[in-house]
Amino acid sequence: MQGPLRASVFQLLTYKPMKTIIKIENLKCHGCANTITKGMEKFNEVEQVNVNVEDSTVEISFEGTDETITMFKNKLSKLGYPEAGHNTGFSVAKSYVSCAIGRIN
């Protein structure tokens, strides 16, 4: 193998996704976790999402950069689950709606 094909094979063999753990606010139950998982899985970059209700954390394995992490944090905030330390009254109210939707789906 030569050239670009060799480089592509090497990249496939050595590929490791990035991983981030984001501590979030307003995570109350598995309904919330369902909403978060479904919201994060809409991103093409996401390979796996694990939501830990007890620790209020979201672990995301993905292909991307630090800007991708910012994009995830923005999505979590829009769902009502902002990064820890960035909570507002609006986020709390929105999380209750997201939680209810997660319980239905």
N, C-alpha and C. Protein backbone atom coordinates (compact mmCIF):
# COMPACT_ATOMS: atom_id res chain seq x y z
N MET A 1 0.84 -1.19 0.00
CA MET A 1 0.00 0.00 0.00
C MET A 1 0.88 1.24 0.00
N GLN A 2 0.40 2.22 -0.72
CA GLN A 2 1.15 3.46 -0.79
C GLN A 2 0.22 4.65 -0.65
N GLY A 3 0.83 5.79 -0.39
CA GLY A 3 0.14 7.07 -0.42
C GLY A 3 -1.06 7.19 0.49
N PRO A 4 -2.13 7.84 -0.05
CA PRO A 4 -3.32 8.13 0.76
C PRO A 4 -4.02 6.89 1.30
N LEU A 5 -4.03 5.79 0.55
CA LEU A 5 -4.67 4.58 1.02
C LEU A 5 -3.99 4.05 2.27
N ARG A 6 -2.67 4.07 2.27
CA ARG A 6 -1.92 3.61 3.44
C ARG A 6 -2.22 4.50 4.65
N ALA A 7 -2.26 5.81 4.42
CA ALA A 7 -2.57 6.73 5.52
C ALA A 7 -3.97 6.48 6.06
N SER A 8 -4.94 6.21 5.17
CA SER A 8 -6.31 5.96 5.61
C SER A 8 -6.41 4.69 6.45
N VAL A 9 -5.73 3.64 6.02
CA VAL A 9 -5.73 2.39 6.77
C VAL A 9 -5.10 2.61 8.14
N PHE A 10 -4.00 3.35 8.19
CA PHE A 10 -3.34 3.64 9.45
C PHE A 10 -4.27 4.41 10.38
N GLN A 11 -4.98 5.41 9.85
CA GLN A 11 -5.89 6.20 10.67
C GLN A 11 -7.01 5.32 11.23
N LEU A 12 -7.53 4.39 10.42
CA LEU A 12 -8.59 3.50 10.90
C LEU A 12 -8.09 2.58 12.01
N LEU A 13 -6.87 2.09 11.86
CA LEU A 13 -6.32 1.16 12.85
C LEU A 13 -5.95 1.85 14.16
N THR A 14 -5.62 3.12 14.09
CA THR A 14 -5.18 3.84 15.29
C THR A 14 -6.23 4.81 15.83
N TYR A 15 -7.41 4.83 15.23
CA TYR A 15 -8.45 5.79 15.61
C TYR A 15 -8.94 5.51 17.03
N LYS A 16 -9.00 6.56 17.83
CA LYS A 16 -9.59 6.50 19.16
C LYS A 16 -10.46 7.74 19.30
N PRO A 17 -11.73 7.55 19.65
CA PRO A 17 -12.60 8.71 19.81
C PRO A 17 -12.19 9.55 21.02
N MET A 18 -12.53 10.83 20.95
CA MET A 18 -12.33 11.70 22.11
C MET A 18 -13.44 11.39 23.10
N LYS A 19 -13.20 11.73 24.34
CA LYS A 19 -14.20 11.52 25.39
C LYS A 19 -14.22 12.74 26.28
N THR A 20 -15.41 13.16 26.66
CA THR A 20 -15.55 14.25 27.62
C THR A 20 -16.61 13.88 28.64
N ILE A 21 -16.45 14.37 29.84
CA ILE A 21 -17.45 14.20 30.89
C ILE A 21 -17.86 15.60 31.32
N ILE A 22 -19.16 15.86 31.22
CA ILE A 22 -19.70 17.18 31.55
C ILE A 22 -20.60 17.04 32.76
N LYS A 23 -20.29 17.76 33.82
CA LYS A 23 -21.15 17.79 35.02
C LYS A 23 -22.25 18.81 34.74
N ILE A 24 -23.50 18.39 34.94
CA ILE A 24 -24.63 19.24 34.58
C ILE A 24 -25.56 19.49 35.76
N GLU A 25 -26.44 20.46 35.58
CA GLU A 25 -27.47 20.83 36.56
C GLU A 25 -28.81 20.18 36.17
N ASN A 26 -29.70 20.05 37.12
CA ASN A 26 -31.11 19.71 36.93
C ASN A 26 -31.39 18.27 36.52
N LEU A 27 -30.41 17.39 36.58
CA LEU A 27 -30.62 15.99 36.22
C LEU A 27 -31.28 15.29 37.41
N LYS A 28 -32.51 14.82 37.19
CA LYS A 28 -33.30 14.28 38.29
C LYS A 28 -33.60 12.79 38.17
N CYS A 29 -33.78 12.28 36.95
CA CYS A 29 -34.27 10.91 36.80
C CYS A 29 -33.90 10.34 35.44
N HIS A 30 -34.40 9.15 35.19
CA HIS A 30 -34.10 8.49 33.92
C HIS A 30 -34.87 9.11 32.75
N GLY A 31 -35.95 9.82 33.04
CA GLY A 31 -36.64 10.57 31.98
C GLY A 31 -35.72 11.67 31.46
N CYS A 32 -35.04 12.35 32.39
CA CYS A 32 -34.05 13.37 32.00
C CYS A 32 -32.94 12.72 31.18
N ALA A 33 -32.46 11.57 31.66
CA ALA A 33 -31.37 10.87 30.97
C ALA A 33 -31.76 10.48 29.56
N ASN A 34 -33.01 10.03 29.36
CA ASN A 34 -33.48 9.69 28.02
C ASN A 34 -33.47 10.89 27.10
N THR A 35 -33.95 12.02 27.60
CA THR A 35 -33.97 13.25 26.80
C THR A 35 -32.55 13.65 26.40
N ILE A 36 -31.63 13.59 27.35
CA ILE A 36 -30.24 13.97 27.08
C ILE A 36 -29.62 13.02 26.07
N THR A 37 -29.81 11.72 26.26
CA THR A 37 -29.23 10.74 25.35
C THR A 37 -29.74 10.95 23.93
N LYS A 38 -31.03 11.10 23.77
CA LYS A 38 -31.61 11.30 22.44
C LYS A 38 -31.14 12.61 21.82
N GLY A 39 -31.02 13.65 22.63
CA GLY A 39 -30.54 14.94 22.11
C GLY A 39 -29.10 14.88 21.64
N MET A 40 -28.25 14.20 22.39
CA MET A 40 -26.83 14.10 22.03
C MET A 40 -26.61 13.17 20.84
N GLU A 41 -27.41 12.11 20.74
CA GLU A 41 -27.25 11.16 19.64
C GLU A 41 -27.64 11.74 18.29
N LYS A 42 -28.27 12.90 18.27
CA LYS A 42 -28.60 13.56 17.01
C LYS A 42 -27.37 14.13 16.31
N PHE A 43 -26.30 14.32 17.06
CA PHE A 43 -25.06 14.82 16.47
C PHE A 43 -24.32 13.69 15.77
N ASN A 44 -23.94 13.90 14.53
CA ASN A 44 -23.19 12.89 13.77
C ASN A 44 -21.86 12.55 14.44
N GLU A 45 -21.29 13.49 15.16
CA GLU A 45 -19.98 13.29 15.79
C GLU A 45 -20.03 12.33 16.98
N VAL A 46 -21.20 12.15 17.56
CA VAL A 46 -21.34 11.36 18.79
C VAL A 46 -21.32 9.86 18.47
N GLU A 47 -20.49 9.14 19.21
CA GLU A 47 -20.41 7.69 19.07
C GLU A 47 -21.13 6.98 20.21
N GLN A 48 -21.07 7.56 21.42
CA GLN A 48 -21.71 6.94 22.57
C GLN A 48 -22.00 8.00 23.63
N VAL A 49 -23.14 7.83 24.32
CA VAL A 49 -23.53 8.74 25.40
C VAL A 49 -23.89 7.89 26.62
N ASN A 50 -23.33 8.26 27.76
CA ASN A 50 -23.67 7.63 29.03
C ASN A 50 -24.05 8.73 30.02
N VAL A 51 -25.26 8.64 30.54
CA VAL A 51 -25.74 9.63 31.51
C VAL A 51 -25.76 8.96 32.88
N ASN A 52 -25.09 9.58 33.85
CA ASN A 52 -25.05 9.07 35.22
C ASN A 52 -25.92 9.97 36.09
N VAL A 53 -27.10 9.47 36.42
CA VAL A 53 -28.07 10.28 37.18
C VAL A 53 -27.54 10.60 38.57
N GLU A 54 -26.90 9.64 39.23
CA GLU A 54 -26.41 9.85 40.59
C GLU A 54 -25.34 10.94 40.67
N ASP A 55 -24.46 10.99 39.67
CA ASP A 55 -23.36 11.97 39.67
C ASP A 55 -23.68 13.24 38.88
N SER A 56 -24.84 13.26 38.23
CA SER A 56 -25.21 14.39 37.34
C SER A 56 -24.13 14.66 36.30
N THR A 57 -23.70 13.58 35.63
CA THR A 57 -22.69 13.74 34.59
C THR A 57 -23.16 13.10 33.28
N VAL A 58 -22.63 13.63 32.19
CA VAL A 58 -22.86 13.09 30.86
C VAL A 58 -21.49 12.79 30.27
N GLU A 59 -21.26 11.54 29.93
CA GLU A 59 -20.00 11.14 29.30
C GLU A 59 -20.29 10.91 27.82
N ILE A 60 -19.53 11.60 26.97
CA ILE A 60 -19.76 11.52 25.53
C ILE A 60 -18.47 11.10 24.84
N SER A 61 -18.55 10.03 24.06
CA SER A 61 -17.44 9.63 23.19
C SER A 61 -17.78 10.15 21.80
N PHE A 62 -16.83 10.82 21.17
CA PHE A 62 -17.14 11.51 19.92
C PHE A 62 -15.89 11.70 19.07
N GLU A 63 -16.15 12.09 17.84
CA GLU A 63 -15.08 12.49 16.93
C GLU A 63 -15.20 14.00 16.76
N GLY A 64 -14.15 14.72 17.11
CA GLY A 64 -14.23 16.17 16.98
C GLY A 64 -13.12 16.88 17.72
N THR A 65 -13.40 18.12 18.09
CA THR A 65 -12.42 19.00 18.72
C THR A 65 -13.04 19.64 19.97
N ASP A 66 -12.31 20.56 20.55
CA ASP A 66 -12.84 21.30 21.70
C ASP A 66 -14.09 22.09 21.33
N GLU A 67 -14.17 22.55 20.07
CA GLU A 67 -15.37 23.27 19.63
C GLU A 67 -16.59 22.35 19.66
N THR A 68 -16.36 21.06 19.41
CA THR A 68 -17.45 20.09 19.45
C THR A 68 -17.99 19.98 20.88
N ILE A 69 -17.11 20.02 21.85
CA ILE A 69 -17.53 19.96 23.26
C ILE A 69 -18.40 21.17 23.59
N THR A 70 -18.01 22.34 23.11
CA THR A 70 -18.80 23.55 23.32
C THR A 70 -20.19 23.39 22.70
N MET A 71 -20.25 22.78 21.54
CA MET A 71 -21.52 22.53 20.87
C MET A 71 -22.40 21.61 21.73
N PHE A 72 -21.79 20.59 22.34
CA PHE A 72 -22.54 19.69 23.23
C PHE A 72 -23.07 20.43 24.44
N LYS A 73 -22.24 21.26 25.05
CA LYS A 73 -22.66 22.03 26.23
C LYS A 73 -23.82 22.95 25.90
N ASN A 74 -23.77 23.57 24.72
CA ASN A 74 -24.87 24.46 24.30
C ASN A 74 -26.17 23.67 24.13
N LYS A 75 -26.08 22.48 23.55
CA LYS A 75 -27.27 21.64 23.37
C LYS A 75 -27.84 21.21 24.71
N LEU A 76 -26.97 20.80 25.62
CA LEU A 76 -27.43 20.41 26.96
C LEU A 76 -28.16 21.57 27.63
N SER A 77 -27.61 22.77 27.51
CA SER A 77 -28.23 23.95 28.09
C SER A 77 -29.61 24.21 27.48
N LYS A 78 -29.71 24.06 26.16
CA LYS A 78 -31.00 24.26 25.48
C LYS A 78 -32.03 23.24 25.92
N LEU A 79 -31.58 22.05 26.30
CA LEU A 79 -32.50 21.02 26.79
C LEU A 79 -32.92 21.26 28.24
N GLY A 80 -32.23 22.18 28.94
CA GLY A 80 -32.54 22.48 30.35
C GLY A 80 -31.53 21.91 31.32
N TYR A 81 -30.40 21.42 30.80
CA TYR A 81 -29.37 20.80 31.63
C TYR A 81 -28.02 21.47 31.39
N PRO A 82 -27.87 22.71 31.87
CA PRO A 82 -26.61 23.43 31.62
C PRO A 82 -25.45 22.83 32.42
N GLU A 83 -24.27 23.19 32.00
CA GLU A 83 -23.06 22.78 32.73
C GLU A 83 -23.16 23.28 34.17
N ALA A 84 -22.65 22.50 35.10
CA ALA A 84 -22.69 22.87 36.52
C ALA A 84 -22.15 24.28 36.72
N GLY A 85 -22.88 25.06 37.51
CA GLY A 85 -22.48 26.43 37.79
C GLY A 85 -23.10 27.46 36.86
N HIS A 86 -23.88 27.01 35.87
CA HIS A 86 -24.48 27.91 34.89
C HIS A 86 -26.01 27.80 34.88
N ASN A 87 -26.60 27.48 36.02
CA ASN A 87 -28.04 27.26 36.10
C ASN A 87 -28.80 28.58 36.20
N THR A 88 -30.00 28.58 35.63
CA THR A 88 -30.91 29.73 35.75
C THR A 88 -32.31 29.20 36.05
N GLY A 89 -33.19 30.06 36.46
CA GLY A 89 -34.58 29.67 36.71
C GLY A 89 -35.22 29.11 35.45
N PHE A 90 -34.88 29.69 34.30
CA PHE A 90 -35.42 29.21 33.04
C PHE A 90 -34.94 27.79 32.75
N SER A 91 -33.67 27.50 33.04
CA SER A 91 -33.12 26.15 32.82
C SER A 91 -33.84 25.12 33.68
N VAL A 92 -34.14 25.50 34.92
CA VAL A 92 -34.85 24.58 35.82
C VAL A 92 -36.22 24.26 35.25
N ALA A 93 -36.95 25.29 34.84
CA ALA A 93 -38.29 25.08 34.28
C ALA A 93 -38.22 24.23 33.01
N LYS A 94 -37.26 24.52 32.16
CA LYS A 94 -37.12 23.78 30.91
C LYS A 94 -36.77 22.32 31.18
N SER A 95 -35.98 22.06 32.22
CA SER A 95 -35.60 20.68 32.53
C SER A 95 -36.81 19.85 32.94
N TYR A 96 -37.80 20.47 33.60
CA TYR A 96 -39.00 19.74 33.98
C TYR A 96 -39.78 19.29 32.74
N VAL A 97 -39.83 20.15 31.75
CA VAL A 97 -40.51 19.80 30.48
C VAL A 97 -39.73 18.69 29.79
N SER A 98 -38.40 18.83 29.69
CA SER A 98 -37.57 17.81 29.05
C SER A 98 -37.69 16.47 29.78
N CYS A 99 -37.75 16.52 31.09
CA CYS A 99 -37.90 15.32 31.90
C CYS A 99 -39.20 14.61 31.56
N ALA A 100 -40.30 15.35 31.50
CA ALA A 100 -41.60 14.77 31.18
C ALA A 100 -41.59 14.14 29.80
N ILE A 101 -40.99 14.81 28.84
CA ILE A 101 -40.91 14.26 27.48
C ILE A 101 -40.09 12.98 27.49
N GLY A 102 -39.00 12.97 28.24
CA GLY A 102 -38.16 11.78 28.32
C GLY A 102 -38.87 10.60 28.94
N ARG A 103 -39.78 10.85 29.84
CA ARG A 103 -40.54 9.76 30.46
C ARG A 103 -41.56 9.17 29.49
N ILE A 104 -42.07 10.01 28.60
CA ILE A 104 -43.06 9.55 27.62
C ILE A 104 -42.40 8.71 26.53
N ASN A 105 -41.25 9.20 26.07
CA ASN A 105 -40.55 8.51 24.96
C ASN A 105 -39.86 7.33 25.48
